[in-house]
């Protein structure tokens, strides 16, 4: 897997193919429908299937107070895109110069000159150029003038609603992991650094890896069944998100207990996958009640299959 970080490099290895441009955050089932069409176009023109995305989201530069919390870090996003048949992923860093290009200039300088685009696939809500002045109607006109085939792919329907990154983000923020996973092409993951915690979990008999520096949206407070990997070995994981109410701690934490793992993970970056929500968080009457519930949580997680 090669992640292309700038257009100068892309112009050497990603020219002459079919292109789709967008954020592709989460890489959900709607994206998969679009990318299937992109793959077909690439095969028809005899070139690579290319996704041009952005890292970070352009909103982080244009309107940082309203920029969405990411659902995928860029390496994860690229991996999911490659699994769906994409040959090249270009992750451009948004700059004032790039985002300031008019729609026609963006089409000419990036799509035609840099990438020698031979075909395009986009969704109906695609916008491009400064202030989102370009839409699919304008793109159609530009592509027609350049003799570039364009397919506008209708979004996948999900119980009467379009599958979108916004829908996925809302489900995760509400703790509806199973609903989110049903919309995604792979179960939801977060990534974080293992930091030193209070060591309270170890004292209870359930040591946890406390994650900091999260790169993506954390699910709502609750206890979740999932898994993680250490040196490519999978381990079932019981994940607690939220404050420790029993000990009157108000700080929201992400704590991961790896079943059947012993070792030191401090300073390591863990990827943690969420499979389903087990329960909400509550304040227990005693430490023994908490310990007993943790034992039941671990027994529940132990019955979960590893993927």
Protein backbone atom coordinates (compact mmCIF):
# COMPACT_ATOMS: atom_id res chain seq x y z
CA UNK A 1 0.00 0.00 0.00
CA UNK A 2 1.43 3.36 -1.09
CA UNK A 3 -0.10 6.55 0.26
CA UNK A 4 0.69 9.51 -1.99
CA UNK A 5 1.07 12.69 0.01
CA UNK A 6 1.29 15.41 -2.65
CA UNK A 7 0.25 16.15 -6.19
CA UNK A 8 3.85 16.37 -7.44
CA UNK A 9 4.36 12.73 -6.55
CA UNK A 10 0.88 11.85 -7.85
CA UNK A 11 1.64 13.30 -11.26
CA UNK A 12 4.33 10.63 -11.63
CA UNK A 13 2.43 7.53 -10.50
CA UNK A 14 -1.31 8.26 -10.69
CA UNK A 15 -1.85 9.68 -14.18
CA UNK A 16 -4.13 8.46 -16.94
CA UNK A 17 -6.77 6.73 -14.86
CA UNK A 18 -10.24 7.10 -13.42
CA UNK A 19 -10.57 9.55 -10.52
CA UNK A 20 -12.96 10.16 -7.64
CA UNK A 21 -12.48 13.14 -5.34
CA UNK A 22 -13.85 13.41 -1.81
CA UNK A 23 -13.17 13.00 1.88
CA UNK A 24 -14.32 9.35 2.03
CA UNK A 25 -14.30 9.59 5.83
CA UNK A 26 -15.22 6.27 7.42
CA UNK A 27 -15.30 4.50 4.04
CA UNK A 28 -18.93 3.45 4.31
CA UNK A 29 -21.19 1.34 2.09
CA UNK A 30 -22.20 4.34 0.01
CA UNK A 31 -18.53 4.90 -0.79
CA UNK A 32 -18.24 1.23 -1.78
CA UNK A 33 -20.99 1.63 -4.39
CA UNK A 34 -19.20 4.66 -5.85
CA UNK A 35 -15.81 2.93 -5.85
CA UNK A 36 -17.22 -0.09 -7.67
CA UNK A 37 -18.12 2.25 -10.52
CA UNK A 38 -14.68 3.88 -10.30
CA UNK A 39 -13.04 0.47 -10.63
CA UNK A 40 -15.11 -0.32 -13.71
CA UNK A 41 -14.19 3.00 -15.31
CA UNK A 42 -10.49 2.45 -14.59
CA UNK A 43 -10.63 -0.94 -16.28
CA UNK A 44 -12.41 0.57 -19.29
CA UNK A 45 -9.77 3.29 -19.79
CA UNK A 46 -6.85 0.99 -18.93
CA UNK A 47 -5.51 3.11 -16.10
CA UNK A 48 -5.41 3.17 -12.29
CA UNK A 49 -8.42 3.74 -10.05
CA UNK A 50 -7.44 6.89 -8.14
CA UNK A 51 -8.98 8.52 -5.07
CA UNK A 52 -8.01 12.09 -4.30
CA UNK A 53 -8.80 12.88 -0.68
CA UNK A 54 -7.63 15.39 1.91
CA UNK A 55 -5.73 15.15 5.19
CA UNK A 56 -6.82 16.90 7.31
CA UNK A 57 -10.38 17.77 6.29
CA UNK A 58 -10.51 21.09 4.35
CA UNK A 59 -12.86 22.45 7.02
CA UNK A 60 -9.95 22.40 9.48
CA UNK A 61 -8.50 25.28 7.46
CA UNK A 62 -11.66 27.01 6.25
CA UNK A 63 -13.82 26.80 9.39
CA UNK A 64 -11.87 25.04 12.17
CA UNK A 65 -14.60 25.59 14.78
CA UNK A 66 -16.97 23.45 12.69
CA UNK A 67 -14.60 20.85 11.32
CA UNK A 68 -16.01 17.33 11.87
CA UNK A 69 -14.16 14.93 14.14
CA UNK A 70 -12.60 12.32 11.82
CA UNK A 71 -13.88 8.75 11.63
CA UNK A 72 -10.61 7.42 10.19
CA UNK A 73 -6.97 8.40 10.38
CA UNK A 74 -5.50 8.68 6.91
CA UNK A 75 -3.56 5.37 6.89
CA UNK A 76 -6.69 3.50 7.96
CA UNK A 77 -8.77 5.30 5.35
CA UNK A 78 -6.26 4.46 2.62
CA UNK A 79 -6.18 0.79 3.65
CA UNK A 80 -9.98 0.56 3.49
CA UNK A 81 -9.99 2.25 0.08
CA UNK A 82 -7.38 -0.17 -1.26
CA UNK A 83 -9.50 -3.08 -0.05
CA UNK A 84 -12.31 -1.78 -2.26
CA UNK A 85 -10.20 -1.90 -5.41
CA UNK A 86 -8.56 1.52 -5.45
CA UNK A 87 -5.03 1.52 -6.93
CA UNK A 88 -3.78 4.93 -5.76
CA UNK A 89 -4.81 7.10 -2.82
CA UNK A 90 -3.66 10.71 -2.91
CA UNK A 91 -3.96 12.47 0.46
CA UNK A 92 -3.52 16.17 -0.22
CA UNK A 93 -2.87 18.58 2.61
CA UNK A 94 -5.37 21.41 2.08
CA UNK A 95 -3.66 24.77 1.58
CA UNK A 96 -5.02 28.23 1.00
CA UNK A 97 -3.64 28.07 -2.53
CA UNK A 98 -5.33 24.75 -3.35
CA UNK A 99 -8.65 25.65 -1.73
CA UNK A 100 -8.57 29.05 -3.38
CA UNK A 101 -8.64 27.64 -6.91
CA UNK A 102 -11.81 28.33 -8.85
CA UNK A 103 -13.77 25.30 -10.00
CA UNK A 104 -12.53 25.67 -13.58
CA UNK A 105 -8.92 26.16 -12.46
CA UNK A 106 -9.10 23.13 -10.16
CA UNK A 107 -10.45 21.04 -13.01
CA UNK A 108 -7.76 22.19 -15.42
CA UNK A 109 -4.73 22.29 -13.11
CA UNK A 110 -5.40 19.23 -10.93
CA UNK A 111 -7.76 16.89 -12.75
CA UNK A 112 -6.42 17.42 -16.27
CA UNK A 113 -2.82 18.71 -16.05
CA UNK A 114 -1.56 16.92 -12.95
CA UNK A 115 -3.50 13.68 -13.18
CA UNK A 116 -4.36 13.39 -16.88
CA UNK A 117 -7.80 12.14 -15.87
CA UNK A 118 -9.45 9.78 -18.36
CA UNK A 119 -12.73 9.19 -16.45
CA UNK A 120 -14.47 10.33 -13.26
CA UNK A 121 -17.01 8.98 -10.77
CA UNK A 122 -18.70 11.17 -8.16
CA UNK A 123 -21.78 11.30 -5.97
CA UNK A 124 -24.63 13.73 -6.69
CA UNK A 125 -23.63 16.00 -3.79
CA UNK A 126 -20.08 16.59 -5.03
CA UNK A 127 -18.73 20.16 -4.90
CA UNK A 128 -15.34 21.51 -5.87
CA UNK A 129 -13.46 24.76 -6.22
CA UNK A 130 -13.39 27.90 -4.08
CA UNK A 131 -16.53 28.37 -1.98
CA UNK A 132 -17.88 25.09 -3.43
CA UNK A 133 -18.78 26.94 -6.63
CA UNK A 134 -18.53 23.80 -8.74
CA UNK A 135 -21.26 21.14 -8.60
CA UNK A 136 -21.98 18.00 -10.62
CA UNK A 137 -23.72 20.02 -13.32
CA UNK A 138 -20.60 22.13 -13.85
CA UNK A 139 -18.40 19.06 -13.60
CA UNK A 140 -20.50 17.41 -16.30
CA UNK A 141 -20.00 20.36 -18.61
CA UNK A 142 -16.24 20.46 -17.99
CA UNK A 143 -15.90 16.70 -18.48
CA UNK A 144 -17.96 16.83 -21.67
CA UNK A 145 -15.73 19.59 -23.04
CA UNK A 146 -12.65 17.52 -22.26
CA UNK A 147 -14.15 14.25 -23.57
CA UNK A 148 -13.86 12.69 -20.09
CA UNK A 149 -16.58 10.12 -19.22
CA UNK A 150 -18.36 11.02 -15.97
CA UNK A 151 -20.60 8.78 -13.88
CA UNK A 152 -22.76 10.29 -11.15
CA UNK A 153 -23.46 7.46 -8.71
CA UNK A 154 -26.61 7.64 -6.60
CA UNK A 155 -26.01 7.21 -2.85
CA UNK A 156 -26.84 3.92 -1.19
CA UNK A 157 -30.24 3.96 0.53
CA UNK A 158 -30.41 3.03 4.22
CA UNK A 159 -34.01 2.74 5.43
CA UNK A 160 -35.02 5.79 3.45
CA UNK A 161 -31.88 7.79 4.12
CA UNK A 162 -28.65 8.24 2.22
CA UNK A 163 -25.68 6.52 3.83
CA UNK A 164 -23.25 9.29 4.71
CA UNK A 165 -20.30 9.98 6.97
CA UNK A 166 -22.59 12.33 8.91
CA UNK A 167 -25.00 9.46 9.62
CA UNK A 168 -22.16 7.18 10.71
CA UNK A 169 -20.69 9.90 12.92
CA UNK A 170 -24.05 10.47 14.63
CA UNK A 171 -24.50 6.74 15.34
CA UNK A 172 -21.02 6.45 16.86
CA UNK A 173 -21.48 9.59 18.98
CA UNK A 174 -24.69 8.02 20.31
CA UNK A 175 -22.99 4.71 21.11
CA UNK A 176 -24.89 2.81 18.39
CA UNK A 177 -21.85 0.87 17.26
CA UNK A 178 -23.75 -1.98 15.63
CA UNK A 179 -25.79 0.49 13.56
CA UNK A 180 -22.61 2.32 12.57
CA UNK A 181 -20.84 -0.91 11.64
CA UNK A 182 -23.80 -1.88 9.45
CA UNK A 183 -23.18 1.28 7.42
CA UNK A 184 -19.40 0.88 7.28
CA UNK A 185 -17.36 -1.45 5.08
CA UNK A 186 -15.35 -2.61 8.14
CA UNK A 187 -15.97 -2.43 11.90
CA UNK A 188 -15.22 0.93 13.51
CA UNK A 189 -11.77 1.49 15.01
CA UNK A 190 -10.04 4.13 17.06
CA UNK A 191 -6.31 4.67 17.52
CA UNK A 192 -4.55 6.03 20.59
CA UNK A 193 -1.34 6.05 22.60
CA UNK A 194 -1.19 3.96 25.76
CA UNK A 195 -0.56 6.34 28.67
CA UNK A 196 0.00 5.80 32.38
CA UNK A 197 -3.31 5.75 34.23
CA UNK A 198 -4.40 5.49 37.85
CA UNK A 199 -3.60 1.74 37.96
CA UNK A 200 -6.99 1.19 39.56
CA UNK A 201 -7.96 -1.48 37.03
CA UNK A 202 -4.94 -3.59 37.92
CA UNK A 203 -5.89 -3.36 41.57
CA UNK A 204 -9.33 -4.70 40.72
CA UNK A 205 -7.80 -7.58 38.78
CA UNK A 206 -8.58 -6.13 35.35
CA UNK A 207 -5.58 -4.07 34.13
CA UNK A 208 -6.36 -1.63 31.35
CA UNK A 209 -4.50 0.26 28.67
CA UNK A 210 -5.50 3.91 28.96
CA UNK A 211 -5.62 5.58 25.57
CA UNK A 212 -4.67 9.19 24.93
CA UNK A 213 -4.08 11.24 21.79
CA UNK A 214 -7.12 9.75 20.04
CA UNK A 215 -7.03 10.39 16.30
CA UNK A 216 -10.74 9.83 15.64
CA UNK A 217 -14.17 10.12 17.25
CA UNK A 218 -14.62 8.09 20.45
CA UNK A 219 -18.02 6.39 20.87
CA UNK A 220 -20.43 7.53 23.58
CA UNK A 221 -19.88 6.51 27.19
CA UNK A 222 -20.41 2.81 27.76
CA UNK A 223 -18.83 -0.63 27.88
CA UNK A 224 -18.09 -2.24 24.53
CA UNK A 225 -16.93 -5.59 23.21
CA UNK A 226 -14.17 -5.40 20.64
CA UNK A 227 -10.63 -6.40 19.88
CA UNK A 228 -7.14 -5.04 19.43
CA UNK A 229 -3.80 -6.23 18.12
CA UNK A 230 -0.34 -6.46 19.66
CA UNK A 231 2.42 -7.37 17.20
CA UNK A 232 -0.32 -8.51 14.80
CA UNK A 233 -1.76 -10.94 17.39
CA UNK A 234 -5.50 -10.32 17.97
CA UNK A 235 -6.88 -10.07 21.50
CA UNK A 236 -10.46 -9.73 22.61
CA UNK A 237 -10.99 -6.42 24.37
CA UNK A 238 -13.44 -5.03 26.91
CA UNK A 239 -13.55 -1.28 26.39
CA UNK A 240 -14.80 1.25 28.94
CA UNK A 241 -15.45 4.80 27.77
CA UNK A 242 -16.48 7.58 30.12
CA UNK A 243 -15.87 8.74 33.69
CA UNK A 244 -15.34 6.29 36.55
CA UNK A 245 -18.54 7.02 38.44
CA UNK A 246 -17.94 4.57 41.27
CA UNK A 247 -14.82 6.48 42.30
CA UNK A 248 -16.41 9.90 41.64
CA UNK A 249 -14.01 10.65 38.80
CA UNK A 250 -15.41 13.07 36.26
CA UNK A 251 -12.72 12.74 33.60
CA UNK A 252 -13.77 10.85 30.47
CA UNK A 253 -11.33 8.02 29.73
CA UNK A 254 -10.89 5.31 27.16
CA UNK A 255 -9.73 2.15 28.98
CA UNK A 256 -9.09 -1.14 27.19
CA UNK A 257 -8.71 -4.49 28.94
CA UNK A 258 -7.03 -7.07 26.71
CA UNK A 259 -8.18 -10.57 27.58
CA UNK A 260 -5.36 -13.09 28.17
CA UNK A 261 -2.62 -10.51 27.57
CA UNK A 262 0.33 -9.82 29.82
CA UNK A 263 2.96 -7.24 29.05
CA UNK A 264 3.84 -3.56 28.98
CA UNK A 265 2.13 -1.42 26.36
CA UNK A 266 3.08 2.05 27.60
CA UNK A 267 3.95 4.37 24.74
CA UNK A 268 2.57 2.00 22.12
CA UNK A 269 -0.16 3.06 19.70
CA UNK A 270 -3.11 0.67 19.74
CA UNK A 271 -5.84 0.21 17.19
CA UNK A 272 -9.04 -0.81 18.94
CA UNK A 273 -12.03 -2.20 17.07
CA UNK A 274 -15.59 -1.87 18.36
CA UNK A 275 -17.95 -4.76 17.67
CA UNK A 276 -20.94 -4.01 19.89
CA UNK A 277 -22.11 -2.13 22.98
CA UNK A 278 -22.47 -4.27 26.09
CA UNK A 279 -23.99 -1.79 28.56
CA UNK A 280 -24.02 1.77 29.79
CA UNK A 281 -21.90 3.11 32.63
CA UNK A 282 -23.30 3.23 36.17
CA UNK A 283 -22.17 4.10 39.68
CA UNK A 284 -21.89 0.93 41.77
CA UNK A 285 -22.70 0.83 45.47
CA UNK A 286 -19.37 -0.80 46.33
CA UNK A 287 -16.04 -1.80 44.85
CA UNK A 288 -17.07 -5.45 45.15
CA UNK A 289 -20.19 -4.76 43.07
CA UNK A 290 -17.99 -3.10 40.46
CA UNK A 291 -15.54 -6.00 40.45
CA UNK A 292 -18.36 -8.53 40.04
CA UNK A 293 -19.83 -6.59 37.12
CA UNK A 294 -16.42 -6.35 35.47
CA UNK A 295 -16.17 -10.11 35.73
CA UNK A 296 -19.52 -10.47 33.97
CA UNK A 297 -18.42 -8.00 31.29
CA UNK A 298 -15.24 -9.99 30.65
CA UNK A 299 -17.25 -13.23 30.39
CA UNK A 300 -19.51 -11.56 27.81
CA UNK A 301 -16.56 -10.31 25.77
CA UNK A 302 -14.83 -13.71 25.92
CA UNK A 303 -17.72 -15.21 23.95
CA UNK A 304 -17.28 -12.69 21.13
CA UNK A 305 -15.66 -14.04 17.94
CA UNK A 306 -12.36 -12.60 16.74
CA UNK A 307 -12.47 -11.17 13.25
